[in-house]
C-alpha atoms as a PDB file:
ATOM      1  CA  MET A   1      -8.371  -5.490 -36.960  1.00  0.00           C
ATOM      2  CA  PHE A   2      -8.980  -2.755 -34.378  1.00  0.00           C
ATOM      3  CA  PHE A   3      -9.355  -5.240 -31.546  1.00  0.00           C
ATOM      4  CA  PHE A   4      -5.881  -6.667 -32.162  1.00  0.00           C
ATOM      5  CA  ASP A   5      -4.108  -3.430 -33.073  1.00  0.00           C
ATOM      6  CA  PRO A   6      -0.459  -3.790 -31.972  1.00  0.00           C
ATOM      7  CA  LEU A   7      -0.180  -0.001 -31.681  1.00  0.00           C
ATOM      8  CA  TYR A   8      -2.446  -0.191 -28.649  1.00  0.00           C
ATOM      9  CA  PHE A   9       0.346  -1.885 -26.736  1.00  0.00           C
ATOM     10  CA  VAL A  10       2.710   0.974 -27.563  1.00  0.00           C
ATOM     11  CA  PHE A  11       0.359   3.208 -25.591  1.00  0.00           C
ATOM     12  CA  ALA A  12      -0.775   0.731 -22.956  1.00  0.00           C
ATOM     13  CA  LEU A  13       2.252  -1.449 -22.199  1.00  0.00           C
ATOM     14  CA  PRO A  14       4.233   1.036 -20.064  1.00  0.00           C
ATOM     15  CA  ALA A  15       1.185   1.719 -17.892  1.00  0.00           C
ATOM     16  CA  LEU A  16       0.408  -2.001 -17.704  1.00  0.00           C
ATOM     17  CA  ILE A  17       3.928  -2.834 -16.541  1.00  0.00           C
ATOM     18  CA  PHE A  18       3.796  -0.043 -14.002  1.00  0.00           C
ATOM     19  CA  GLY A  19       0.426  -1.320 -12.783  1.00  0.00           C
ATOM     20  CA  LEU A  20       1.753  -4.848 -12.302  1.00  0.00           C
ATOM     21  CA  TRP A  21       4.711  -3.496 -10.365  1.00  0.00           C
ATOM     22  CA  ALA A  22       2.399  -1.394  -8.177  1.00  0.00           C
ATOM     23  CA  GLN A  23       0.233  -4.425  -7.453  1.00  0.00           C
ATOM     24  CA  TRP A  24       3.343  -6.387  -6.486  1.00  0.00           C
ATOM     25  CA  ARG A  25       4.373  -3.598  -4.112  1.00  0.00           C
ATOM     26  CA  VAL A  26       0.957  -3.660  -2.451  1.00  0.00           C
ATOM     27  CA  ARG A  27       0.919  -7.437  -2.065  1.00  0.00           C
ATOM     28  CA  SER A  28       4.452  -7.410  -0.707  1.00  0.00           C
ATOM     29  CA  ALA A  29       3.719  -4.692   1.858  1.00  0.00           C
ATOM     30  CA  MET A  30       0.411  -6.250   2.885  1.00  0.00           C
ATOM     31  CA  ASN A  31       1.876  -9.743   3.215  1.00  0.00           C
ATOM     32  CA  ARG A  32       4.645  -8.411   5.409  1.00  0.00           C
ATOM     33  CA  TYR A  33       2.841  -5.935   7.652  1.00  0.00           C
ATOM     34  CA  SER A  34      -0.434  -7.801   8.021  1.00  0.00           C
ATOM     35  CA  GLN A  35       1.605 -10.316  10.006  1.00  0.00           C
ATOM     36  CA  VAL A  36       3.120  -7.740  12.382  1.00  0.00           C
ATOM     37  CA  VAL A  37       1.014  -6.639  15.370  1.00  0.00           C
ATOM     38  CA  ASN A  38       1.071  -2.895  16.026  1.00  0.00           C
ATOM     39  CA  ALA A  39       2.592  -1.862  19.342  1.00  0.00           C
ATOM     40  CA  THR A  40      -0.633  -0.477  20.857  1.00  0.00           C
ATOM     41  CA  ARG A  41      -2.609  -3.584  19.830  1.00  0.00           C
ATOM     42  CA  PHE A  42      -5.560  -1.447  18.763  1.00  0.00           C
ATOM     43  CA  THR A  43      -7.732  -3.032  16.102  1.00  0.00           C
ATOM     44  CA  GLY A  44      -8.430  -1.168  12.895  1.00  0.00           C
ATOM     45  CA  ALA A  45     -11.965  -0.455  14.106  1.00  0.00           C
ATOM     46  CA  GLU A  46     -10.680   0.977  17.400  1.00  0.00           C
ATOM     47  CA  ILE A  47      -8.190   3.217  15.625  1.00  0.00           C
ATOM     48  CA  ALA A  48     -10.870   4.484  13.241  1.00  0.00           C
ATOM     49  CA  GLN A  49     -13.273   5.160  16.109  1.00  0.00           C
ATOM     50  CA  ARG A  50     -10.617   7.023  18.083  1.00  0.00           C
ATOM     51  CA  ILE A  51      -9.650   9.173  15.109  1.00  0.00           C
ATOM     52  CA  LEU A  52     -13.267  10.004  14.332  1.00  0.00           C
ATOM     53  CA  ALA A  53     -14.080  10.792  17.962  1.00  0.00           C
ATOM     54  CA  SER A  54     -11.031  13.025  18.411  1.00  0.00           C
ATOM     55  CA  SER A  55     -12.037  14.912  15.257  1.00  0.00           C
ATOM     56  CA  GLY A  56     -15.622  15.474  16.378  1.00  0.00           C
ATOM     57  CA  LEU A  57     -17.099  13.008  13.893  1.00  0.00           C
ATOM     58  CA  GLN A  58     -19.441  11.110  16.206  1.00  0.00           C
ATOM     59  CA  ASN A  59     -22.007  11.017  13.383  1.00  0.00           C
ATOM     60  CA  VAL A  60     -19.782   8.733  11.270  1.00  0.00           C
ATOM     61  CA  ARG A  61     -20.326   5.034  11.903  1.00  0.00           C
ATOM     62  CA  VAL A  62     -17.651   2.372  11.611  1.00  0.00           C
ATOM     63  CA  GLU A  63     -19.076  -0.828  10.135  1.00  0.00           C
ATOM     64  CA  LEU A  64     -17.799  -4.243   9.146  1.00  0.00           C
ATOM     65  CA  SER A  65     -17.877  -4.934   5.405  1.00  0.00           C
ATOM     66  CA  GLN A  66     -17.290  -8.152   3.515  1.00  0.00           C
ATOM     67  CA  GLY A  67     -14.502  -8.891   1.095  1.00  0.00           C
ATOM     68  CA  PHE A  68     -10.726  -8.562   1.102  1.00  0.00           C
ATOM     69  CA  LEU A  69      -9.576  -4.919   1.018  1.00  0.00           C
ATOM     70  CA  SER A  70     -13.155  -3.702   0.616  1.00  0.00           C
ATOM     71  CA  ASP A  71     -12.385  -0.781   2.930  1.00  0.00           C
ATOM     72  CA  HIS A  72     -13.941   2.542   1.960  1.00  0.00           C
ATOM     73  CA  TYR A  73     -15.653   5.643   3.279  1.00  0.00           C
ATOM     74  CA  ASP A  74     -19.178   6.383   2.055  1.00  0.00           C
ATOM     75  CA  PRO A  75     -19.660  10.183   2.204  1.00  0.00           C
ATOM     76  CA  GLY A  76     -23.360   9.936   1.394  1.00  0.00           C
ATOM     77  CA  ALA A  77     -24.203   7.555   4.239  1.00  0.00           C
ATOM     78  CA  LYS A  78     -21.470   8.877   6.582  1.00  0.00           C
ATOM     79  CA  VAL A  79     -20.228   5.323   7.096  1.00  0.00           C
ATOM     80  CA  LEU A  80     -16.671   4.037   7.238  1.00  0.00           C
ATOM     81  CA  ARG A  81     -16.657   0.389   6.187  1.00  0.00           C
ATOM     82  CA  LEU A  82     -13.705  -1.852   7.005  1.00  0.00           C
ATOM     83  CA  SER A  83     -12.972  -5.349   5.725  1.00  0.00           C
ATOM     84  CA  PRO A  84     -12.777  -8.141   8.337  1.00  0.00           C
ATOM     85  CA  ASP A  85      -8.963  -8.246   8.375  1.00  0.00           C
ATOM     86  CA  VAL A  86      -8.824  -4.511   9.012  1.00  0.00           C
ATOM     87  CA  TYR A  87     -11.848  -4.200  11.310  1.00  0.00           C
ATOM     88  CA  HIS A  88     -10.721  -6.952  13.678  1.00  0.00           C
ATOM     89  CA  GLY A  89      -7.005  -6.905  12.886  1.00  0.00           C
ATOM     90  CA  GLN A  90      -4.313  -5.552  15.179  1.00  0.00           C
ATOM     91  CA  SER A  91      -1.650  -5.491  12.490  1.00  0.00           C
ATOM     92  CA  ILE A  92       0.350  -2.512  11.278  1.00  0.00           C
ATOM     93  CA  ALA A  93      -1.372  -2.863   7.901  1.00  0.00           C
ATOM     94  CA  ALA A  94      -4.815  -2.748   9.533  1.00  0.00           C
ATOM     95  CA  ALA A  95      -3.878   0.378  11.464  1.00  0.00           C
ATOM     96  CA  GLY A  96      -2.667   2.144   8.331  1.00  0.00           C
ATOM     97  CA  ILE A  97      -5.703   1.262   6.231  1.00  0.00           C
ATOM     98  CA  ALA A  98      -8.166   2.207   8.981  1.00  0.00           C
ATOM     99  CA  ALA A  99      -6.436   5.549   9.452  1.00  0.00           C
ATOM    100  CA  HIS A 100      -6.406   6.170   5.704  1.00  0.00           C
ATOM    101  CA  GLU A 101     -10.149   5.615   5.408  1.00  0.00           C
ATOM    102  CA  SER A 102     -10.661   7.856   8.433  1.00  0.00           C
ATOM    103  CA  GLY A 103      -8.714  10.473   6.507  1.00  0.00           C
ATOM    104  CA  HIS A 104     -11.469  10.434   3.883  1.00  0.00           C
ATOM    105  CA  ALA A 105     -14.026  11.122   6.599  1.00  0.00           C
ATOM    106  CA  LEU A 106     -11.970  14.112   7.718  1.00  0.00           C
ATOM    107  CA  GLN A 107     -11.848  15.328   4.117  1.00  0.00           C
ATOM    108  CA  ASP A 108     -15.634  15.124   4.009  1.00  0.00           C
ATOM    109  CA  GLN A 109     -15.877  17.032   7.278  1.00  0.00           C
ATOM    110  CA  THR A 110     -13.763  19.914   5.958  1.00  0.00           C
ATOM    111  CA  GLY A 111     -15.388  19.979   2.532  1.00  0.00           C
ATOM    112  CA  TYR A 112     -12.192  18.949   0.764  1.00  0.00           C
ATOM    113  CA  LEU A 113     -12.892  20.036  -2.815  1.00  0.00           C
ATOM    114  CA  PRO A 114     -11.272  17.135  -4.735  1.00  0.00           C
ATOM    115  CA  LEU A 115     -13.319  14.630  -2.683  1.00  0.00           C
ATOM    116  CA  ARG A 116     -16.538  16.517  -3.409  1.00  0.00           C
ATOM    117  CA  PHE A 117     -15.677  16.692  -7.100  1.00  0.00           C
ATOM    118  CA  ARG A 118     -14.845  12.990  -7.228  1.00  0.00           C
ATOM    119  CA  SER A 119     -18.071  12.036  -5.468  1.00  0.00           C
ATOM    120  CA  ALA A 120     -20.083  14.148  -7.928  1.00  0.00           C
ATOM    121  CA  MET A 121     -18.397  12.387 -10.844  1.00  0.00           C
ATOM    122  CA  VAL A 122     -19.255   8.843  -9.747  1.00  0.00           C
ATOM    123  CA  PRO A 123     -22.541   8.470 -11.719  1.00  0.00           C
ATOM    124  CA  THR A 124     -20.928   9.777 -14.919  1.00  0.00           C
ATOM    125  CA  VAL A 125     -17.890   7.555 -14.548  1.00  0.00           C
ATOM    126  CA  GLN A 126     -19.991   4.460 -13.898  1.00  0.00           C
ATOM    127  CA  ILE A 127     -21.642   5.010 -17.278  1.00  0.00           C
ATOM    128  CA  GLY A 128     -18.643   6.293 -19.206  1.00  0.00           C
ATOM    129  CA  SER A 129     -16.200   3.589 -18.158  1.00  0.00           C
ATOM    130  CA  TRP A 130     -18.129   0.827 -19.962  1.00  0.00           C
ATOM    131  CA  LEU A 131     -20.320   2.718 -22.431  1.00  0.00           C
ATOM    132  CA  GLY A 132     -17.617   5.081 -23.695  1.00  0.00           C
ATOM    133  CA  PRO A 133     -15.411   2.424 -25.361  1.00  0.00           C
ATOM    134  CA  ILE A 134     -18.463   0.761 -26.947  1.00  0.00           C
ATOM    135  CA  VAL A 135     -19.758   4.027 -28.392  1.00  0.00           C
ATOM    136  CA  PHE A 136     -16.262   4.932 -29.557  1.00  0.00           C
ATOM    137  CA  MET A 137     -15.721   1.619 -31.367  1.00  0.00           C
ATOM    138  CA  VAL A 138     -19.119   1.771 -33.047  1.00  0.00           C
ATOM    139  CA  GLY A 139     -18.500   5.363 -34.047  1.00  0.00           C
ATOM    140  CA  LEU A 140     -15.022   4.595 -35.378  1.00  0.00           C
ATOM    141  CA  PHE A 141     -16.307   1.832 -37.629  1.00  0.00           C
ATOM    142  CA  THR A 142     -19.255   3.897 -38.897  1.00  0.00           C
ATOM    143  CA  THR A 143     -17.515   7.185 -39.675  1.00  0.00           C
ATOM    144  CA  ALA A 144     -18.482   6.798 -43.337  1.00  0.00           C
ATOM    145  CA  ILE A 145     -22.146   6.873 -42.283  1.00  0.00           C
ATOM    146  CA  PHE A 146     -22.274   9.118 -39.224  1.00  0.00           C
ATOM    147  CA  GLY A 147     -19.006  11.018 -39.502  1.00  0.00           C
ATOM    148  CA  GLN A 148     -16.891  11.332 -36.352  1.00  0.00           C
ATOM    149  CA  THR A 149     -19.632  12.651 -34.066  1.00  0.00           C
ATOM    150  CA  LEU A 150     -20.475   9.305 -32.493  1.00  0.00           C
ATOM    151  CA  ALA A 151     -16.821   8.406 -31.995  1.00  0.00           C
ATOM    152  CA  TRP A 152     -16.129  11.762 -30.345  1.00  0.00           C
ATOM    153  CA  ALA A 153     -19.095  11.194 -28.050  1.00  0.00           C
ATOM    154  CA  GLY A 154     -17.622   7.861 -26.970  1.00  0.00           C
ATOM    155  CA  LEU A 155     -14.234   9.482 -26.447  1.00  0.00           C
ATOM    156  CA  MET A 156     -15.744  12.180 -24.235  1.00  0.00           C
ATOM    157  CA  LEU A 157     -17.622   9.593 -22.196  1.00  0.00           C
ATOM    158  CA  PHE A 158     -14.445   7.638 -21.589  1.00  0.00           C
ATOM    159  CA  ALA A 159     -12.525  10.848 -20.873  1.00  0.00           C
ATOM    160  CA  ALA A 160     -14.556  11.144 -17.669  1.00  0.00           C
ATOM    161  CA  THR A 161     -12.816   7.975 -16.468  1.00  0.00           C
ATOM    162  CA  ALA A 162      -9.392   9.539 -16.977  1.00  0.00           C
ATOM    163  CA  VAL A 163     -10.454  12.753 -15.239  1.00  0.00           C
ATOM    164  CA  PHE A 164     -11.847  10.712 -12.340  1.00  0.00           C
ATOM    165  CA  ALA A 165      -8.550   8.826 -12.038  1.00  0.00           C
ATOM    166  CA  LEU A 166      -6.613  12.090 -11.956  1.00  0.00           C
ATOM    167  CA  VAL A 167      -8.911  13.652  -9.348  1.00  0.00           C
ATOM    168  CA  THR A 168      -8.530  10.508  -7.252  1.00  0.00           C
ATOM    169  CA  LEU A 169      -4.789  11.107  -6.854  1.00  0.00           C
ATOM    170  CA  PRO A 170      -4.929  14.168  -4.568  1.00  0.00           C
ATOM    171  CA  VAL A 171      -7.836  12.622  -2.681  1.00  0.00           C
ATOM    172  CA  GLU A 172      -5.884   9.459  -1.868  1.00  0.00           C
ATOM    173  CA  PHE A 173      -2.550  11.185  -1.242  1.00  0.00           C
ATOM    174  CA  ASP A 174      -4.160  13.657   1.135  1.00  0.00           C
ATOM    175  CA  ALA A 175      -5.999  10.900   3.025  1.00  0.00           C
ATOM    176  CA  SER A 176      -2.716   9.048   3.533  1.00  0.00           C
ATOM    177  CA  ARG A 177      -0.992  12.244   4.672  1.00  0.00           C
ATOM    178  CA  ARG A 178      -3.736  12.858   7.236  1.00  0.00           C
ATOM    179  CA  ALA A 179      -3.568   9.230   8.363  1.00  0.00           C
ATOM    180  CA  LYS A 180       0.176   9.346   8.988  1.00  0.00           C
ATOM    181  CA  GLU A 181      -0.065  12.613  10.897  1.00  0.00           C
ATOM    182  CA  LEU A 182      -2.928  11.391  13.077  1.00  0.00           C
ATOM    183  CA  LEU A 183      -1.258   8.093  13.885  1.00  0.00           C
ATOM    184  CA  GLU A 184       2.001   9.790  14.839  1.00  0.00           C
ATOM    185  CA  THR A 185       0.663  12.771  16.792  1.00  0.00           C
ATOM    186  CA  HIS A 186      -2.096  10.991  18.738  1.00  0.00           C
ATOM    187  CA  GLY A 187      -0.138   7.897  19.667  1.00  0.00           C
ATOM    188  CA  TYR A 188      -2.536   5.422  18.074  1.00  0.00           C
ATOM    189  CA  VAL A 189       0.566   3.502  17.037  1.00  0.00           C
ATOM    190  CA  PHE A 190       4.153   3.762  18.252  1.00  0.00           C
ATOM    191  CA  ALA A 191       6.977   5.329  16.269  1.00  0.00           C
ATOM    192  CA  THR A 192       8.394   1.866  15.654  1.00  0.00           C
ATOM    193  CA  ASP A 193       5.286   1.027  13.611  1.00  0.00           C
ATOM    194  CA  MET A 194       5.509   4.010  11.268  1.00  0.00           C
ATOM    195  CA  GLN A 195       7.941   2.417   8.842  1.00  0.00           C
ATOM    196  CA  GLY A 196       5.350  -0.241   8.110  1.00  0.00           C
ATOM    197  CA  ILE A 197       2.549   2.334   7.920  1.00  0.00           C
ATOM    198  CA  HIS A 198       4.517   4.299   5.330  1.00  0.00           C
ATOM    199  CA  ALA A 199       5.288   1.144   3.335  1.00  0.00           C
ATOM    200  CA  VAL A 200       1.630   0.050   3.176  1.00  0.00           C
ATOM    201  CA  LEU A 201       0.127   3.449   2.359  1.00  0.00           C
ATOM    202  CA  ASN A 202       2.838   4.438  -0.120  1.00  0.00           C
ATOM    203  CA  ALA A 203       2.432   1.146  -1.963  1.00  0.00           C
ATOM    204  CA  ALA A 204      -1.337   1.611  -2.081  1.00  0.00           C
ATOM    205  CA  ALA A 205      -0.867   5.113  -3.499  1.00  0.00           C
ATOM    206  CA  LEU A 206       1.092   3.677  -6.415  1.00  0.00           C
ATOM    207  CA  THR A 207      -1.944   1.679  -7.532  1.00  0.00           C
ATOM    208  CA  TYR A 208      -3.903   4.908  -7.995  1.00  0.00           C
ATOM    209  CA  VAL A 209      -1.066   6.381 -10.036  1.00  0.00           C
ATOM    210  CA  ALA A 210      -1.064   3.227 -12.151  1.00  0.00           C
ATOM    211  CA  GLY A 211      -4.826   3.445 -12.634  1.00  0.00           C
ATOM    212  CA  ALA A 212      -4.534   7.031 -13.820  1.00  0.00           C
ATOM    213  CA  ALA A 213      -1.711   6.106 -16.196  1.00  0.00           C
ATOM    214  CA  GLN A 214      -3.743   3.265 -17.697  1.00  0.00           C
ATOM    215  CA  ALA A 215      -6.821   5.446 -18.195  1.00  0.00           C
ATOM    216  CA  ILE A 216      -4.801   8.227 -19.799  1.00  0.00           C
ATOM    217  CA  SER A 217      -2.870   5.868 -22.102  1.00  0.00           C
ATOM    218  CA  THR A 218      -6.135   4.358 -23.371  1.00  0.00           C
ATOM    219  CA  LEU A 219      -7.639   7.811 -23.878  1.00  0.00           C
ATOM    220  CA  LEU A 220      -4.583   8.910 -25.856  1.00  0.00           C
ATOM    221  CA  TYR A 221      -4.822   5.818 -28.038  1.00  0.00           C
ATOM    222  CA  TYR A 222      -8.461   6.541 -28.823  1.00  0.00           C
ATOM    223  CA  ALA A 223      -7.632  10.157 -29.618  1.00  0.00           C
ATOM    224  CA  PHE A 224      -4.718   9.044 -31.817  1.00  0.00           C
ATOM    225  CA  LEU A 225      -7.023   6.861 -33.878  1.00  0.00           C
ATOM    226  CA  LEU A 226      -9.757   9.426 -34.111  1.00  0.00           C
ATOM    227  CA  THR A 227      -7.624  12.359 -35.194  1.00  0.00           C
ATOM    228  CA  GLY A 228      -6.469  10.404 -38.211  1.00  0.00           C
ATOM    229  CA  LEU A 229      -2.838  10.034 -37.238  1.00  0.00           C
ATOM    230  CA  ARG A 230      -3.135   6.388 -38.080  1.00  0.00           C
ATOM    231  CA  GLN A 231      -5.308   4.855 -40.784  1.00  0.00           C
ATOM    232  CA  GLU A 232      -6.957   1.539 -39.936  1.00  0.00           C
ATOM    233  CA  GLU A 233      -6.140  -1.119 -42.493  1.00  0.00           C
END
């Protein structure tokens, strides 16, 4: 049966293991540095507001959002939303996350091309991520009737998810780079805090690498099936 194909794990298992390791790194860094107060005692909201103000982004609002690690920048609304632990928190982790999300606002300000491309892809990815596999599976099982056209359509829809994951990498890496530079050069945290900042942001970056690896491994598996390298029994 396709749904229980052991070959899938040949493609997916390395990325899955890497993803679990990345999640462990994030939890470990967050558990450690969310308990350590940053030396300046600025909250995440205060750090974000200072970064935005110093960069001439008075039009970007900093708002409280709900949910753990729900932090994100909305380029359409020009709003930086921080989760309660980050918005109110004075921890090293809160400082790093707030600065990282502020980095996305700076990318938006400068017209950073990967961010613009990623934002434009969102509607397609929202459809392709769930509809693509369904169309592909239906097409794969009905090749005798419809040929491979439907399956290829599903593959292309899902391919947008892999492209989105790849485009996300430079966006997230660049935001973290900007965050570290801003925190160090403007004195929003002390030098003694930077080890924790690096640990939190570097661990978070690994989760995006893992997400890209998982999307690509699934895409390769679909392509492997469709190109006839393996016959379904």
